C-alpha atoms as a PDB file:
ATOM      1  CA  UNK A   1       3.164  -8.902  42.086  1.00  0.00           C
ATOM      2  CA  UNK A   2       4.638 -12.075  39.435  1.00  0.00           C
ATOM      3  CA  UNK A   3       6.047 -11.627  37.156  1.00  0.00           C
ATOM      4  CA  UNK A   4       5.971 -13.696  33.769  1.00  0.00           C
ATOM      5  CA  UNK A   5       9.026 -16.424  33.238  1.00  0.00           C
ATOM      6  CA  UNK A   6       8.500 -15.689  29.266  1.00  0.00           C
ATOM      7  CA  UNK A   7       8.175 -11.521  28.712  1.00  0.00           C
ATOM      8  CA  UNK A   8       9.443 -10.882  32.561  1.00  0.00           C
ATOM      9  CA  UNK A   9       5.988  -8.510  32.898  1.00  0.00           C
ATOM     10  CA  UNK A  10       3.730  -8.419  34.942  1.00  0.00           C
ATOM     11  CA  UNK A  11       1.825 -11.257  36.027  1.00  0.00           C
ATOM     12  CA  UNK A  12      -2.248 -10.295  35.785  1.00  0.00           C
ATOM     13  CA  UNK A  13      -5.647 -11.911  34.899  1.00  0.00           C
ATOM     14  CA  UNK A  14      -4.805 -10.548  30.920  1.00  0.00           C
ATOM     15  CA  UNK A  15      -1.651 -11.037  30.421  1.00  0.00           C
ATOM     16  CA  UNK A  16       0.319 -11.712  26.957  1.00  0.00           C
ATOM     17  CA  UNK A  17       3.656 -11.985  25.943  1.00  0.00           C
ATOM     18  CA  UNK A  18       4.266  -9.420  23.195  1.00  0.00           C
ATOM     19  CA  UNK A  19       4.895 -10.541  20.230  1.00  0.00           C
ATOM     20  CA  UNK A  20       8.643 -11.989  18.819  1.00  0.00           C
ATOM     21  CA  UNK A  21      10.373  -9.414  16.429  1.00  0.00           C
ATOM     22  CA  UNK A  22      11.140 -12.239  14.433  1.00  0.00           C
ATOM     23  CA  UNK A  23       7.494 -13.041  14.446  1.00  0.00           C
ATOM     24  CA  UNK A  24       6.465  -9.450  13.619  1.00  0.00           C
ATOM     25  CA  UNK A  25       8.628  -8.813  10.668  1.00  0.00           C
ATOM     26  CA  UNK A  26       7.878 -11.992   9.114  1.00  0.00           C
ATOM     27  CA  UNK A  27       3.953 -11.025   9.183  1.00  0.00           C
ATOM     28  CA  UNK A  28       5.388  -7.872   7.642  1.00  0.00           C
ATOM     29  CA  UNK A  29       7.166  -9.176   4.959  1.00  0.00           C
ATOM     30  CA  UNK A  30       4.494 -11.442   3.658  1.00  0.00           C
ATOM     31  CA  UNK A  31       2.215  -8.781   3.833  1.00  0.00           C
ATOM     32  CA  UNK A  32       4.206  -6.855   2.172  1.00  0.00           C
ATOM     33  CA  UNK A  33       5.088  -9.664  -0.701  1.00  0.00           C
ATOM     34  CA  UNK A  34       1.167 -10.455  -0.799  1.00  0.00           C
ATOM     35  CA  UNK A  35      -0.002  -6.733  -1.353  1.00  0.00           C
ATOM     36  CA  UNK A  36       2.639  -5.876  -4.068  1.00  0.00           C
ATOM     37  CA  UNK A  37       1.969  -9.248  -6.302  1.00  0.00           C
ATOM     38  CA  UNK A  38      -1.903  -8.346  -5.930  1.00  0.00           C
ATOM     39  CA  UNK A  39      -1.438  -4.558  -7.301  1.00  0.00           C
ATOM     40  CA  UNK A  40       0.763  -6.035  -9.603  1.00  0.00           C
ATOM     41  CA  UNK A  41      -2.288  -8.631 -10.854  1.00  0.00           C
ATOM     42  CA  UNK A  42      -4.148  -5.741 -10.965  1.00  0.00           C
ATOM     43  CA  UNK A  43      -1.605  -3.648 -12.812  1.00  0.00           C
ATOM     44  CA  UNK A  44      -2.149  -6.249 -15.369  1.00  0.00           C
ATOM     45  CA  UNK A  45      -5.309  -6.900 -15.155  1.00  0.00           C
ATOM     46  CA  UNK A  46      -6.431  -3.722 -16.539  1.00  0.00           C
ATOM     47  CA  UNK A  47      -3.162  -2.723 -18.272  1.00  0.00           C
ATOM     48  CA  UNK A  48      -2.654  -5.545 -20.196  1.00  0.00           C
ATOM     49  CA  UNK A  49      -0.820  -4.520 -23.291  1.00  0.00           C
ATOM     50  CA  UNK A  50       1.721  -3.226 -20.332  1.00  0.00           C
ATOM     51  CA  UNK A  51       1.705   0.350 -21.974  1.00  0.00           C
ATOM     52  CA  UNK A  52       2.364   2.461 -18.805  1.00  0.00           C
ATOM     53  CA  UNK A  53       5.725   0.240 -17.915  1.00  0.00           C
ATOM     54  CA  UNK A  54       6.810   3.075 -15.543  1.00  0.00           C
ATOM     55  CA  UNK A  55       3.697   2.580 -13.279  1.00  0.00           C
ATOM     56  CA  UNK A  56       4.793  -1.264 -12.333  1.00  0.00           C
ATOM     57  CA  UNK A  57       7.760   0.119  -9.690  1.00  0.00           C
ATOM     58  CA  UNK A  58       4.961   2.300  -8.390  1.00  0.00           C
ATOM     59  CA  UNK A  59       1.981   0.195  -8.140  1.00  0.00           C
ATOM     60  CA  UNK A  60       4.074  -2.495  -6.518  1.00  0.00           C
ATOM     61  CA  UNK A  61       5.688  -0.188  -4.312  1.00  0.00           C
ATOM     62  CA  UNK A  62       2.504   1.380  -3.491  1.00  0.00           C
ATOM     63  CA  UNK A  63       0.304  -1.838  -2.849  1.00  0.00           C
ATOM     64  CA  UNK A  64       2.827  -2.874  -0.825  1.00  0.00           C
ATOM     65  CA  UNK A  65       3.929  -0.166   1.407  1.00  0.00           C
ATOM     66  CA  UNK A  66      -0.104  -0.297   2.019  1.00  0.00           C
ATOM     67  CA  UNK A  67      -1.089  -3.636   2.610  1.00  0.00           C
ATOM     68  CA  UNK A  68       1.659  -3.441   5.406  1.00  0.00           C
ATOM     69  CA  UNK A  69      -0.301   0.110   6.760  1.00  0.00           C
ATOM     70  CA  UNK A  70      -3.535  -1.725   6.524  1.00  0.00           C
ATOM     71  CA  UNK A  71      -2.064  -5.167   8.315  1.00  0.00           C
ATOM     72  CA  UNK A  72      -0.630  -2.901  10.716  1.00  0.00           C
ATOM     73  CA  UNK A  73      -3.825  -0.764  11.493  1.00  0.00           C
ATOM     74  CA  UNK A  74      -6.026  -3.797  11.964  1.00  0.00           C
ATOM     75  CA  UNK A  75      -3.088  -5.195  14.424  1.00  0.00           C
ATOM     76  CA  UNK A  76      -3.721  -2.187  16.916  1.00  0.00           C
END
């Protein structure tokens, strides 16, 4: 059986090379940043006087983790 010159995998009719680790990392990082920004914007919209300042880090972290989780689930 022939092999792919790029990834050395079996070259079948429906062959697609796996994504490169750098692109996967960039996608995850971008998704995390976007999720963190969105969660911070939602926190600012619902708490305009910033009364719960200790929740800033928690909201940003949870937003980033949820965004990456949704991205990974939808990617597979």
